[in-house]
Amino acid sequence: TKLIYLESPNSWDYKMQDLPAVAELAKSEGIITVVDNSYATPLYLQPIKMGIDMVLQSATKYIGGHSDVVAGVLTGKKEMMKQIFNNDLMNMGNGISPFNAWLLIRGLRTLHLRMDRVSATTEKVLEFMKTHPGVESILYPLDPTFPQYELAKTQLRAAGGLFTAIIKADSMQQVVTFCESLRHMLIAVSWGGHESLVLPKCAGMEPSDFDPSDSEHRMIRFYIGLEDPQFLIEDIRQAFQQIGF
């Protein structure tokens, strides 16, 4: 084994790894560690301080913050980054355009404000959804019901705007109807921008393959953006009404 690649938390059920423990084990075996930190950003989780060698960020998401740039960031110790730059990036890499670089600089200027706003709004939306009769359960790292809540508390300063709801549904059509009934949340695969989004886990699945007893088939990933929390809550409420809740 030459490299351990982690995503912590991941972006569907938010499973986490004990990063200091992984880093310690990897270093004892001479293995390089890399963490995808797109979920938390450097504001809420700093893996390098926990012993991880390199950190990846999808700058398309929170760092850009406006859904108008495609880019990524790799950070690590100076000597390691210098080696990657000289041996790999210059030969095989793709240089970012000056305008996209400017867009990321613009995004960084408001990152802390946007992240705090998104996190605060998400908590209010979660308060509503956790008591709604149409919701079976929610997954969010800093919610006390999260399976790895104790680990999450030791690693995350906050958890941003991405969470998953397992809704009550007897068919794939109910899940689709709920998502399509949302007036102010687009169905989309990305997240981290200014507008709220949803993505059903069953997207792309054949209706005949949908199993209501499988909670994963009833998962809907929510990204909460910069809108007013009550505005989003009312939208979710009326979407649930369309499927009988």
Protein backbone atom coordinates (compact mmCIF):
# COMPACT_ATOMS: atom_id res chain seq x y z
CA THR A 1 0.00 0.00 0.00
CA LYS A 2 1.43 3.35 -1.10
CA LEU A 3 -1.45 5.72 -0.42
CA ILE A 4 -4.60 5.93 1.71
CA TYR A 5 -7.30 8.11 0.17
CA LEU A 6 -10.16 9.24 2.41
CA GLU A 7 -13.30 11.35 2.17
CA SER A 8 -14.33 12.43 5.63
CA PRO A 9 -17.19 13.14 5.94
CA ASN A 10 -18.39 11.71 2.65
CA SER A 11 -21.21 13.45 0.83
CA TRP A 12 -24.16 11.04 1.19
CA ASP A 13 -24.29 9.39 4.61
CA TYR A 14 -21.37 11.44 6.03
CA LYS A 15 -19.37 8.53 7.38
CA MET A 16 -16.15 9.73 8.98
CA GLN A 17 -12.73 8.33 9.75
CA ASP A 18 -10.61 8.92 12.84
CA LEU A 19 -8.08 11.04 10.96
CA PRO A 20 -5.36 11.26 13.66
CA ALA A 21 -5.49 7.47 14.10
CA VAL A 22 -5.32 6.84 10.35
CA ALA A 23 -2.44 9.31 10.00
CA GLU A 24 -0.50 7.69 12.83
CA LEU A 25 -0.94 4.20 11.40
CA ALA A 26 -0.03 5.33 7.88
CA LYS A 27 3.13 7.12 9.01
CA SER A 28 4.29 4.01 10.89
CA GLU A 29 4.06 2.09 7.60
CA GLY A 30 5.45 4.84 5.36
CA ILE A 31 2.10 5.37 3.61
CA ILE A 32 0.98 8.75 2.23
CA THR A 33 -2.48 9.96 3.32
CA VAL A 34 -4.87 12.15 1.33
CA VAL A 35 -8.25 13.48 2.49
CA ASP A 36 -11.01 14.98 0.37
CA ASN A 37 -12.18 17.83 2.61
CA SER A 38 -14.81 19.32 0.29
CA TYR A 39 -17.63 18.71 2.79
CA ALA A 40 -16.17 20.73 5.65
CA THR A 41 -13.76 23.19 3.99
CA PRO A 42 -10.59 24.37 5.80
CA LEU A 43 -12.80 26.48 8.07
CA TYR A 44 -14.48 23.52 9.76
CA LEU A 45 -11.89 20.73 9.43
CA GLN A 46 -8.11 20.92 9.04
CA PRO A 47 -6.78 17.40 8.34
CA ILE A 48 -3.13 18.45 7.95
CA LYS A 49 -3.09 19.54 11.60
CA MET A 50 -4.27 16.00 12.41
CA GLY A 51 -1.29 14.44 10.65
CA ILE A 52 -2.72 13.94 7.15
CA ASP A 53 -0.18 14.54 4.36
CA MET A 54 -2.33 16.14 1.65
CA VAL A 55 -5.81 17.62 1.42
CA LEU A 56 -8.05 17.97 -1.64
CA GLN A 57 -10.83 20.53 -1.95
CA SER A 58 -13.44 20.74 -4.67
CA ALA A 59 -13.17 24.49 -5.12
CA THR A 60 -16.23 24.29 -7.37
CA LYS A 61 -18.30 24.01 -4.21
CA TYR A 62 -17.97 26.16 -1.07
CA ILE A 63 -14.72 27.91 -1.98
CA GLY A 64 -16.07 29.24 -5.27
CA GLY A 65 -19.46 29.56 -3.66
CA HIS A 66 -21.48 30.79 -6.64
CA SER A 67 -21.77 27.71 -8.88
CA ASP A 68 -19.84 29.42 -11.67
CA VAL A 69 -16.37 27.86 -11.60
CA VAL A 70 -14.90 24.36 -11.96
CA ALA A 71 -11.65 23.92 -10.04
CA GLY A 72 -9.86 21.94 -7.38
CA VAL A 73 -7.17 22.59 -4.79
CA LEU A 74 -4.44 20.29 -3.47
CA THR A 75 -2.48 21.34 -0.38
CA GLY A 76 0.29 19.75 1.64
CA LYS A 77 3.84 20.18 2.88
CA LYS A 78 6.05 22.42 0.75
CA GLU A 79 8.47 19.74 -0.42
CA MET A 80 5.69 17.34 -1.38
CA MET A 81 3.81 20.04 -3.28
CA LYS A 82 6.99 21.13 -5.05
CA GLN A 83 7.62 17.57 -6.21
CA ILE A 84 4.05 17.19 -7.49
CA PHE A 85 4.22 20.56 -9.25
CA ASN A 86 7.51 19.87 -11.01
CA ASN A 87 7.01 16.20 -11.88
CA ASP A 88 3.27 15.85 -12.42
CA LEU A 89 1.40 19.11 -12.81
CA MET A 90 3.79 20.57 -15.38
CA ASN A 91 3.60 17.42 -17.51
CA MET A 92 0.04 16.19 -17.05
CA GLY A 93 -1.89 18.81 -15.11
CA ASN A 94 -4.42 21.35 -16.27
CA GLY A 95 -3.65 24.95 -15.39
CA ILE A 96 -6.54 27.03 -14.09
CA SER A 97 -7.53 30.06 -16.16
CA PRO A 98 -6.83 33.55 -14.76
CA PHE A 99 -10.55 34.34 -14.63
CA ASN A 100 -11.40 31.16 -12.73
CA ALA A 101 -8.56 31.93 -10.32
CA TRP A 102 -10.07 35.38 -9.79
CA LEU A 103 -13.49 33.83 -9.14
CA LEU A 104 -11.97 31.65 -6.41
CA ILE A 105 -10.24 34.64 -4.81
CA ARG A 106 -13.60 36.41 -4.81
CA GLY A 107 -15.22 33.38 -3.18
CA LEU A 108 -12.59 33.13 -0.47
CA ARG A 109 -13.34 36.68 0.65
CA THR A 110 -16.82 35.69 1.79
CA LEU A 111 -16.27 32.01 2.60
CA HIS A 112 -16.51 32.43 6.38
CA LEU A 113 -19.69 34.52 6.13
CA ARG A 114 -21.36 32.09 3.73
CA MET A 115 -20.40 29.00 5.73
CA ASP A 116 -21.71 30.45 8.98
CA ARG A 117 -24.96 31.50 7.29
CA VAL A 118 -25.41 28.10 5.61
CA SER A 119 -24.74 26.23 8.86
CA ALA A 120 -27.18 28.35 10.86
CA THR A 121 -29.93 27.99 8.25
CA THR A 122 -29.35 24.24 8.01
CA GLU A 123 -29.86 23.84 11.75
CA LYS A 124 -33.24 25.59 11.51
CA VAL A 125 -34.33 23.46 8.56
CA LEU A 126 -33.25 20.33 10.43
CA GLU A 127 -35.29 21.33 13.48
CA PHE A 128 -38.36 21.39 11.26
CA MET A 129 -37.61 18.17 9.39
CA LYS A 130 -36.76 16.07 12.46
CA THR A 131 -40.31 16.46 13.76
CA HIS A 132 -42.11 16.24 10.41
CA PRO A 133 -44.30 13.12 10.00
CA GLY A 134 -42.99 12.58 6.47
CA VAL A 135 -39.39 12.15 7.65
CA GLU A 136 -38.19 8.81 8.99
CA SER A 137 -34.71 10.02 9.97
CA ILE A 138 -31.98 12.47 9.04
CA LEU A 139 -28.22 12.15 8.65
CA TYR A 140 -26.07 15.13 9.65
CA PRO A 141 -22.68 14.80 11.39
CA LEU A 142 -23.37 17.24 14.22
CA ASP A 143 -26.86 16.02 14.99
CA PRO A 144 -26.95 13.98 18.24
CA THR A 145 -28.69 11.12 16.42
CA PHE A 146 -25.79 10.71 13.96
CA PRO A 147 -24.06 7.31 14.46
CA GLN A 148 -20.60 8.93 14.67
CA TYR A 149 -21.68 12.04 16.56
CA GLU A 150 -18.95 11.74 19.21
CA LEU A 151 -16.24 11.48 16.54
CA ALA A 152 -17.77 14.34 14.56
CA LYS A 153 -17.66 16.62 17.62
CA THR A 154 -13.92 16.06 17.96
CA GLN A 155 -13.14 16.88 14.33
CA LEU A 156 -15.70 19.37 12.99
CA ARG A 157 -16.14 22.97 14.09
CA ALA A 158 -19.47 23.02 12.22
CA ALA A 159 -21.06 20.91 9.50
CA GLY A 160 -22.20 23.23 6.73
CA GLY A 161 -25.26 22.82 4.56
CA LEU A 162 -25.30 19.22 3.37
CA PHE A 163 -27.56 16.63 5.01
CA THR A 164 -29.63 13.62 3.99
CA ALA A 165 -33.26 12.93 4.84
CA ILE A 166 -34.80 9.47 4.66
CA ILE A 167 -38.41 10.21 3.83
CA LYS A 168 -41.44 7.96 4.17
CA ALA A 169 -42.45 6.75 0.72
CA ASP A 170 -44.09 3.64 -0.70
CA SER A 171 -42.89 4.17 -4.26
CA MET A 172 -40.19 5.83 -6.30
CA GLN A 173 -42.86 8.13 -7.73
CA GLN A 174 -43.53 9.55 -4.27
CA VAL A 175 -39.86 10.44 -3.87
CA VAL A 176 -39.78 12.00 -7.34
CA THR A 177 -43.02 13.90 -6.73
CA PHE A 178 -41.67 15.34 -3.50
CA CYS A 179 -38.48 16.57 -5.19
CA GLU A 180 -40.28 17.95 -8.24
CA SER A 181 -42.81 19.74 -6.01
CA LEU A 182 -40.10 21.86 -4.41
CA ARG A 183 -40.46 25.32 -5.91
CA HIS A 184 -37.21 26.85 -4.75
CA MET A 185 -34.79 23.90 -4.67
CA LEU A 186 -33.43 22.54 -7.92
CA ILE A 187 -32.73 18.84 -8.44
CA ALA A 188 -28.99 18.86 -9.07
CA VAL A 189 -25.84 16.87 -8.32
CA SER A 190 -23.56 19.58 -6.98
CA TRP A 191 -23.65 21.71 -3.82
CA GLY A 192 -21.79 24.50 -2.05
CA GLY A 193 -23.20 27.45 -3.98
CA HIS A 194 -25.66 30.18 -3.11
CA GLU A 195 -28.87 28.26 -3.92
CA SER A 196 -30.43 25.25 -2.22
CA LEU A 197 -30.49 21.91 -4.07
CA VAL A 198 -31.85 18.38 -3.63
CA LEU A 199 -30.81 15.02 -5.07
CA PRO A 200 -32.78 11.77 -4.58
CA LYS A 201 -30.62 8.67 -4.15
CA CYS A 202 -32.98 6.79 -6.48
CA ALA A 203 -32.23 9.14 -9.39
CA GLY A 204 -31.44 7.00 -12.42
CA MET A 205 -32.96 3.91 -10.83
CA GLU A 206 -35.66 1.92 -12.62
CA PRO A 207 -39.00 2.15 -10.78
CA SER A 208 -39.20 -1.65 -10.70
CA ASP A 209 -35.91 -1.74 -8.76
CA PHE A 210 -37.16 0.63 -6.06
CA ASP A 211 -37.54 -1.11 -2.71
CA PRO A 212 -39.35 0.97 -0.06
CA SER A 213 -37.96 -1.29 2.67
CA ASP A 214 -34.44 -0.16 1.68
CA SER A 215 -33.88 3.18 3.40
CA GLU A 216 -31.16 4.13 0.91
CA HIS A 217 -33.75 4.17 -1.87
CA ARG A 218 -35.69 6.79 0.10
CA MET A 219 -32.71 9.03 0.75
CA ILE A 220 -32.80 12.63 -0.45
CA ARG A 221 -29.70 14.75 -0.11
CA PHE A 222 -30.36 18.39 0.70
CA TYR A 223 -27.96 21.26 0.24
CA ILE A 224 -29.07 24.39 2.08
CA GLY A 225 -27.92 27.63 0.51
CA LEU A 226 -28.18 31.29 1.43
CA GLU A 227 -31.96 31.68 1.32
CA ASP A 228 -34.10 32.65 4.31
CA PRO A 229 -34.67 29.54 6.47
CA GLN A 230 -38.44 30.05 6.78
CA PHE A 231 -38.66 30.42 3.00
CA LEU A 232 -37.08 26.96 2.62
CA ILE A 233 -39.11 25.39 5.43
CA GLU A 234 -42.39 26.48 3.83
CA ASP A 235 -41.23 25.07 0.50
CA ILE A 236 -40.40 21.70 2.09
CA ARG A 237 -43.71 21.72 3.96
CA GLN A 238 -45.78 22.19 0.81
CA ALA A 239 -43.75 19.52 -1.04
CA PHE A 240 -44.57 16.99 1.68
CA GLN A 241 -48.23 17.92 1.35
CA GLN A 242 -48.07 16.83 -2.29
CA ILE A 243 -47.28 13.26 -1.17
CA GLY A 244 -49.84 13.10 1.61
CA PHE A 245 -47.95 14.45 4.64
